[in-house]
Amino acid sequence: MKKTTGIQQIPLTEVDDFPEHPFQVRMDEDMDQLVESVKSRGIITPITLRKKEDGRYEIVSGHRRRKACELAGLETVPAEIKELTRDEAIILMVESNLQRSVILPSEKAFAYKMRLEAMNRQGERTDLTSRPVGTKSRSDEQLANEVPDSARQIQRYVRLTELRPGLLDRVDEGKIAMRPAVELSYLKEEEQESLVEAMEMADATPSHAQAIKMRKFSQEGKLSPEVIESIMTEEKPNQKEKLYVSMDRFRKLIPSRVPQKQAEDLLFKALEFYLRHLELQRQREQEYER
């Protein structure tokens, strides 16, 4: 990395988002708290910017802080200007955003892909999504030394970038696990769209075994919408009765930043607490009647 300037106050009107930034800026409770903090104390940690060829700036680190300044009514943001190449900026952008406390699988998937492509740019370019999972590259191994995930897990995440939004959204929501999601990423686009329709009709998501079966049929050119529907309506081994509850009813009580699996755990604990309360109340009433 090259020369870094001191801290400057940069007009918000001159700051652009990082191109294809993979991390979302969520308008949630954390953002509300950050806005209040900015109003009372200002920005404590300056954002990092890179100057573009047209004289404007793009954010390398600090999209949430920039948005908070905007919502707080500020006109400028304190920033550190770094002289970076495009690939240096990508690597730093991914590195800084991976420190977030909550990261969606889709965010990590596109972030890893961008960073690996930047790392590979100097050598022979390879298609990261076509390499079979389990086939390591030097970039995979190097990145695995810098992040919590193994080289193989990084490859799994990169495969998720091949999923259509209807499937990738369900991965983010915790409705489709990583292993079946990777298998489904090998389906053609039209097959994935047919699968989304079948999932909505069956009100179910594919198991790992079903995902493997669909990938095999796809490779053989036999995965028609009818075949997908047949697979999705199969009774799964050890299938248990499920209760489906719309999370929309509980979002006022549970912050949107909480992943669905954790939200389900919170609801279960709340129900346990409520049932214990009812049992104690029943016991008190029995003692009173004696």
Protein backbone atom coordinates (compact mmCIF):
# COMPACT_ATOMS: atom_id res chain seq x y z
CA MET A 1 0.00 0.00 0.00
CA LYS A 2 1.10 3.53 -0.74
CA LYS A 3 1.01 7.01 0.75
CA THR A 4 -1.63 7.90 3.33
CA THR A 5 -2.76 11.46 4.01
CA GLY A 6 -3.80 12.91 7.36
CA ILE A 7 -7.42 13.10 8.47
CA GLN A 8 -9.53 15.40 6.27
CA GLN A 9 -13.14 16.56 6.33
CA ILE A 10 -14.60 15.39 3.01
CA PRO A 11 -18.03 16.58 1.75
CA LEU A 12 -20.54 13.71 1.68
CA THR A 13 -21.59 14.80 -1.82
CA GLU A 14 -18.11 13.84 -3.10
CA VAL A 15 -18.13 10.31 -1.63
CA ASP A 16 -19.29 7.27 -3.62
CA ASP A 17 -19.93 3.67 -2.54
CA PHE A 18 -17.33 1.03 -3.32
CA PRO A 19 -18.23 -0.62 -6.67
CA GLU A 20 -20.17 -3.89 -6.14
CA HIS A 21 -19.80 -3.55 -2.39
CA PRO A 22 -20.90 -6.97 -1.04
CA PHE A 23 -21.85 -5.86 2.47
CA GLN A 24 -25.28 -4.40 3.23
CA VAL A 25 -25.87 -1.18 5.14
CA ARG A 26 -28.84 -2.20 7.29
CA MET A 27 -31.33 0.33 8.61
CA ASP A 28 -31.72 -1.40 11.96
CA GLU A 29 -31.41 -0.77 15.67
CA ASP A 30 -27.61 -0.64 15.46
CA MET A 31 -27.83 2.07 12.81
CA ASP A 32 -30.23 4.06 14.99
CA GLN A 33 -27.72 3.89 17.85
CA LEU A 34 -24.85 4.86 15.55
CA VAL A 35 -26.78 7.90 14.28
CA GLU A 36 -27.46 9.04 17.85
CA SER A 37 -23.78 8.59 18.68
CA VAL A 38 -22.75 10.65 15.64
CA LYS A 39 -25.18 13.41 16.64
CA SER A 40 -23.75 13.61 20.15
CA ARG A 41 -20.06 12.80 19.65
CA GLY A 42 -19.38 12.85 15.93
CA ILE A 43 -17.41 10.17 14.08
CA ILE A 44 -14.77 8.71 16.41
CA THR A 45 -13.02 6.48 13.84
CA PRO A 46 -12.52 8.18 10.44
CA ILE A 47 -13.63 6.31 7.35
CA THR A 48 -11.10 5.22 4.72
CA LEU A 49 -11.37 6.61 1.20
CA ARG A 50 -9.61 6.13 -2.11
CA LYS A 51 -9.39 9.03 -4.57
CA LYS A 52 -10.73 8.18 -8.02
CA GLU A 53 -9.48 9.31 -11.40
CA ASP A 54 -12.35 11.81 -11.72
CA GLY A 55 -11.38 13.54 -8.47
CA ARG A 56 -14.21 12.05 -6.40
CA TYR A 57 -13.74 9.55 -3.58
CA GLU A 58 -14.94 5.98 -3.02
CA ILE A 59 -15.34 4.31 0.36
CA VAL A 60 -12.93 1.51 1.18
CA SER A 61 -14.02 1.18 4.80
CA GLY A 62 -16.88 2.97 6.54
CA HIS A 63 -20.11 2.65 4.56
CA ARG A 64 -22.19 2.50 7.75
CA ARG A 65 -20.42 5.52 9.27
CA ARG A 66 -20.94 7.54 6.08
CA LYS A 67 -24.65 6.65 6.10
CA ALA A 68 -24.90 7.58 9.77
CA CYS A 69 -23.39 11.00 9.02
CA GLU A 70 -25.94 11.49 6.26
CA LEU A 71 -28.85 10.51 8.54
CA ALA A 72 -27.49 12.74 11.31
CA GLY A 73 -27.63 15.72 8.96
CA LEU A 74 -23.87 16.29 8.67
CA GLU A 75 -22.37 17.68 5.47
CA THR A 76 -18.85 16.25 5.83
CA VAL A 77 -17.22 13.08 7.17
CA PRO A 78 -13.72 12.74 8.69
CA ALA A 79 -11.68 10.52 6.38
CA GLU A 80 -8.24 9.06 5.84
CA ILE A 81 -7.33 9.16 2.15
CA LYS A 82 -5.22 6.21 1.01
CA GLU A 83 -3.45 5.91 -2.33
CA LEU A 84 -4.44 2.41 -3.37
CA THR A 85 -4.66 0.40 -6.56
CA ARG A 86 -8.05 -1.17 -7.35
CA ASP A 87 -6.92 -4.61 -6.09
CA GLU A 88 -5.33 -3.17 -2.93
CA ALA A 89 -8.60 -1.37 -2.24
CA ILE A 90 -10.64 -4.58 -2.71
CA ILE A 91 -8.40 -6.52 -0.32
CA LEU A 92 -8.57 -3.79 2.34
CA MET A 93 -12.35 -3.36 1.89
CA VAL A 94 -13.01 -7.07 2.44
CA GLU A 95 -10.56 -7.30 5.33
CA SER A 96 -12.14 -4.39 7.22
CA ASN A 97 -15.75 -5.51 6.68
CA LEU A 98 -15.10 -9.10 7.79
CA GLN A 99 -14.71 -7.67 11.30
CA ARG A 100 -18.48 -7.08 11.51
CA SER A 101 -20.32 -8.95 14.26
CA VAL A 102 -23.10 -10.16 11.93
CA ILE A 103 -22.24 -11.22 8.37
CA LEU A 104 -24.71 -12.90 6.04
CA PRO A 105 -23.53 -15.92 4.02
CA SER A 106 -24.17 -13.99 0.78
CA GLU A 107 -22.04 -11.08 2.00
CA LYS A 108 -19.16 -13.37 2.87
CA ALA A 109 -19.57 -15.26 -0.43
CA PHE A 110 -19.21 -12.22 -2.68
CA ALA A 111 -16.53 -10.70 -0.43
CA TYR A 112 -14.37 -13.84 -0.65
CA LYS A 113 -14.88 -14.02 -4.41
CA MET A 114 -13.85 -10.38 -4.90
CA ARG A 115 -10.79 -10.78 -2.72
CA LEU A 116 -9.64 -14.02 -4.36
CA GLU A 117 -10.05 -12.46 -7.80
CA ALA A 118 -7.95 -9.49 -6.69
CA MET A 119 -5.28 -11.83 -5.29
CA ASN A 120 -5.26 -13.84 -8.53
CA ARG A 121 -5.18 -10.82 -10.82
CA GLN A 122 -1.40 -10.68 -11.07
CA GLY A 123 -1.15 -14.30 -12.21
CA GLU A 124 -3.23 -16.43 -14.54
CA ARG A 125 -6.93 -15.69 -14.04
CA THR A 126 -9.01 -18.68 -13.01
CA ASP A 127 -12.77 -19.10 -12.74
CA LEU A 128 -13.27 -19.41 -9.00
CA THR A 129 -16.77 -20.85 -9.25
CA SER A 130 -15.98 -23.62 -11.74
CA ARG A 131 -13.16 -25.15 -9.71
CA PRO A 132 -14.50 -28.20 -7.81
CA VAL A 133 -14.89 -27.67 -4.08
CA GLY A 134 -11.92 -29.27 -2.37
CA THR A 135 -9.41 -28.30 -5.08
CA LYS A 136 -7.17 -25.80 -3.34
CA SER A 137 -5.29 -22.90 -4.89
CA ARG A 138 -2.51 -20.83 -3.40
CA SER A 139 -4.92 -17.91 -3.04
CA ASP A 140 -7.43 -20.08 -1.13
CA GLU A 141 -4.75 -21.24 1.26
CA GLN A 142 -3.31 -17.76 1.72
CA LEU A 143 -6.74 -16.28 2.47
CA ALA A 144 -7.52 -19.14 4.86
CA ASN A 145 -4.53 -18.04 6.95
CA GLU A 146 -6.10 -14.60 7.36
CA VAL A 147 -9.77 -15.43 8.02
CA PRO A 148 -11.61 -17.88 10.34
CA ASP A 149 -12.69 -20.17 7.46
CA SER A 150 -10.67 -23.00 5.92
CA ALA A 151 -9.69 -23.02 2.24
CA ARG A 152 -12.41 -25.57 1.54
CA GLN A 153 -15.05 -23.53 3.37
CA ILE A 154 -13.98 -20.42 1.44
CA GLN A 155 -14.59 -22.36 -1.79
CA ARG A 156 -18.05 -23.33 -0.53
CA TYR A 157 -18.86 -19.69 0.11
CA VAL A 158 -17.66 -18.68 -3.36
CA ARG A 159 -19.96 -21.32 -4.89
CA LEU A 160 -22.92 -19.53 -3.28
CA THR A 161 -22.41 -16.63 -5.69
CA GLU A 162 -23.84 -18.93 -8.39
CA LEU A 163 -27.21 -19.16 -6.62
CA ARG A 164 -30.21 -17.25 -7.88
CA PRO A 165 -31.61 -14.63 -5.44
CA GLY A 166 -34.62 -16.80 -4.52
CA LEU A 167 -32.25 -19.48 -3.19
CA LEU A 168 -29.50 -17.23 -1.84
CA ASP A 169 -32.04 -15.27 0.20
CA ARG A 170 -33.12 -18.52 1.85
CA VAL A 171 -29.49 -19.31 2.69
CA ASP A 172 -29.21 -15.89 4.37
CA GLU A 173 -32.44 -16.59 6.27
CA GLY A 174 -31.08 -19.91 7.54
CA LYS A 175 -33.70 -21.94 5.66
CA ILE A 176 -31.14 -23.69 3.41
CA ALA A 177 -27.93 -25.01 4.97
CA MET A 178 -24.49 -24.63 3.40
CA ARG A 179 -24.01 -28.19 2.10
CA PRO A 180 -27.26 -28.44 0.13
CA ALA A 181 -26.79 -24.83 -1.01
CA VAL A 182 -23.42 -25.71 -2.57
CA GLU A 183 -24.98 -28.65 -4.43
CA LEU A 184 -27.83 -26.44 -5.69
CA SER A 185 -25.34 -23.85 -6.97
CA TYR A 186 -24.44 -26.27 -9.79
CA LEU A 187 -28.00 -26.19 -11.18
CA LYS A 188 -28.71 -24.12 -14.28
CA GLU A 189 -30.46 -20.79 -13.77
CA GLU A 190 -33.79 -22.01 -15.12
CA GLU A 191 -33.55 -25.12 -12.91
CA GLN A 192 -32.97 -22.94 -9.87
CA GLU A 193 -35.98 -20.81 -10.74
CA SER A 194 -38.11 -23.97 -11.07
CA LEU A 195 -36.81 -25.14 -7.71
CA VAL A 196 -37.84 -21.87 -6.04
CA GLU A 197 -41.38 -22.36 -7.39
CA ALA A 198 -41.45 -25.99 -6.19
CA MET A 199 -40.22 -24.95 -2.73
CA GLU A 200 -43.00 -22.39 -2.44
CA MET A 201 -45.60 -24.93 -3.53
CA ALA A 202 -44.34 -27.62 -1.13
CA ASP A 203 -43.59 -25.12 1.65
CA ALA A 204 -40.30 -26.96 2.17
CA THR A 205 -36.58 -26.71 1.46
CA PRO A 206 -34.39 -29.45 -0.03
CA SER A 207 -32.32 -31.69 2.20
CA HIS A 208 -28.70 -32.41 1.37
CA ALA A 209 -29.67 -35.75 -0.16
CA GLN A 210 -32.35 -34.11 -2.31
CA ALA A 211 -29.91 -31.42 -3.44
CA ILE A 212 -27.38 -34.09 -4.47
CA LYS A 213 -30.11 -35.91 -6.39
CA MET A 214 -31.11 -32.74 -8.24
CA ARG A 215 -27.50 -31.95 -9.14
CA LYS A 216 -27.09 -35.47 -10.55
CA PHE A 217 -30.27 -35.18 -12.66
CA SER A 218 -29.09 -31.77 -13.87
CA GLN A 219 -25.73 -33.16 -14.98
CA GLU A 220 -27.60 -35.84 -16.93
CA GLY A 221 -29.90 -33.26 -18.53
CA LYS A 222 -32.98 -34.76 -16.85
CA LEU A 223 -33.90 -32.13 -14.26
CA SER A 224 -37.27 -30.91 -15.53
CA PRO A 225 -39.73 -28.88 -13.41
CA GLU A 226 -41.74 -32.10 -12.97
CA VAL A 227 -38.70 -33.97 -11.64
CA ILE A 228 -37.92 -31.11 -9.25
CA GLU A 229 -41.51 -31.15 -7.96
CA SER A 230 -41.36 -34.93 -7.52
CA ILE A 231 -38.14 -34.70 -5.50
CA MET A 232 -39.43 -31.85 -3.34
CA THR A 233 -42.63 -33.74 -2.44
CA GLU A 234 -40.75 -36.85 -1.32
CA GLU A 235 -41.12 -37.74 2.32
CA LYS A 236 -37.75 -37.19 3.94
CA PRO A 237 -36.23 -39.83 6.25
CA ASN A 238 -37.16 -39.26 9.88
CA GLN A 239 -39.36 -36.38 8.77
CA LYS A 240 -40.98 -34.69 11.73
CA GLU A 241 -44.06 -32.55 11.95
CA LYS A 242 -43.15 -28.86 11.65
CA LEU A 243 -44.84 -25.66 12.73
CA TYR A 244 -44.38 -22.74 10.31
CA VAL A 245 -44.66 -19.26 11.80
CA SER A 246 -44.19 -16.03 9.86
CA MET A 247 -41.28 -14.07 11.33
CA ASP A 248 -42.99 -10.82 10.28
CA ARG A 249 -45.18 -11.14 13.39
CA PHE A 250 -42.15 -11.08 15.70
CA ARG A 251 -39.83 -8.53 14.06
CA LYS A 252 -41.04 -5.75 16.35
CA LEU A 253 -39.75 -7.81 19.27
CA ILE A 254 -36.59 -9.23 17.69
CA PRO A 255 -34.07 -6.90 15.93
CA SER A 256 -33.74 -7.52 12.18
CA ARG A 257 -29.98 -8.00 12.52
CA VAL A 258 -30.58 -11.28 14.45
CA PRO A 259 -30.32 -14.25 12.00
CA GLN A 260 -33.41 -16.45 11.71
CA LYS A 261 -31.86 -19.45 13.52
CA GLN A 262 -31.01 -17.27 16.54
CA ALA A 263 -34.47 -15.68 16.36
CA GLU A 264 -36.06 -19.14 16.47
CA ASP A 265 -33.94 -20.00 19.53
CA LEU A 266 -35.10 -16.79 21.25
CA LEU A 267 -38.74 -17.61 20.54
CA PHE A 268 -38.31 -21.14 21.91
CA LYS A 269 -36.71 -19.83 25.11
CA ALA A 270 -39.48 -17.24 25.47
CA LEU A 271 -42.11 -19.98 25.13
CA GLU A 272 -40.33 -22.13 27.72
CA PHE A 273 -40.28 -19.18 30.13
CA TYR A 274 -43.98 -18.51 29.54
CA LEU A 275 -44.93 -22.15 30.13
CA ARG A 276 -42.91 -22.22 33.39
CA HIS A 277 -44.73 -19.06 34.45
CA LEU A 278 -48.12 -20.72 33.77
CA GLU A 279 -47.12 -23.81 35.75
CA LEU A 280 -46.03 -21.71 38.76
CA GLN A 281 -49.28 -19.78 38.57
CA ARG A 282 -51.26 -23.03 38.50
CA GLN A 283 -49.38 -24.34 41.54
CA ARG A 284 -50.06 -21.12 43.49
CA GLU A 285 -53.78 -21.35 42.68
CA GLN A 286 -53.89 -24.97 43.92
CA GLU A 287 -52.15 -24.01 47.17
CA TYR A 288 -54.60 -21.13 47.67
CA GLU A 289 -57.59 -23.44 47.23
CA ARG A 290 -56.38 -25.87 49.93
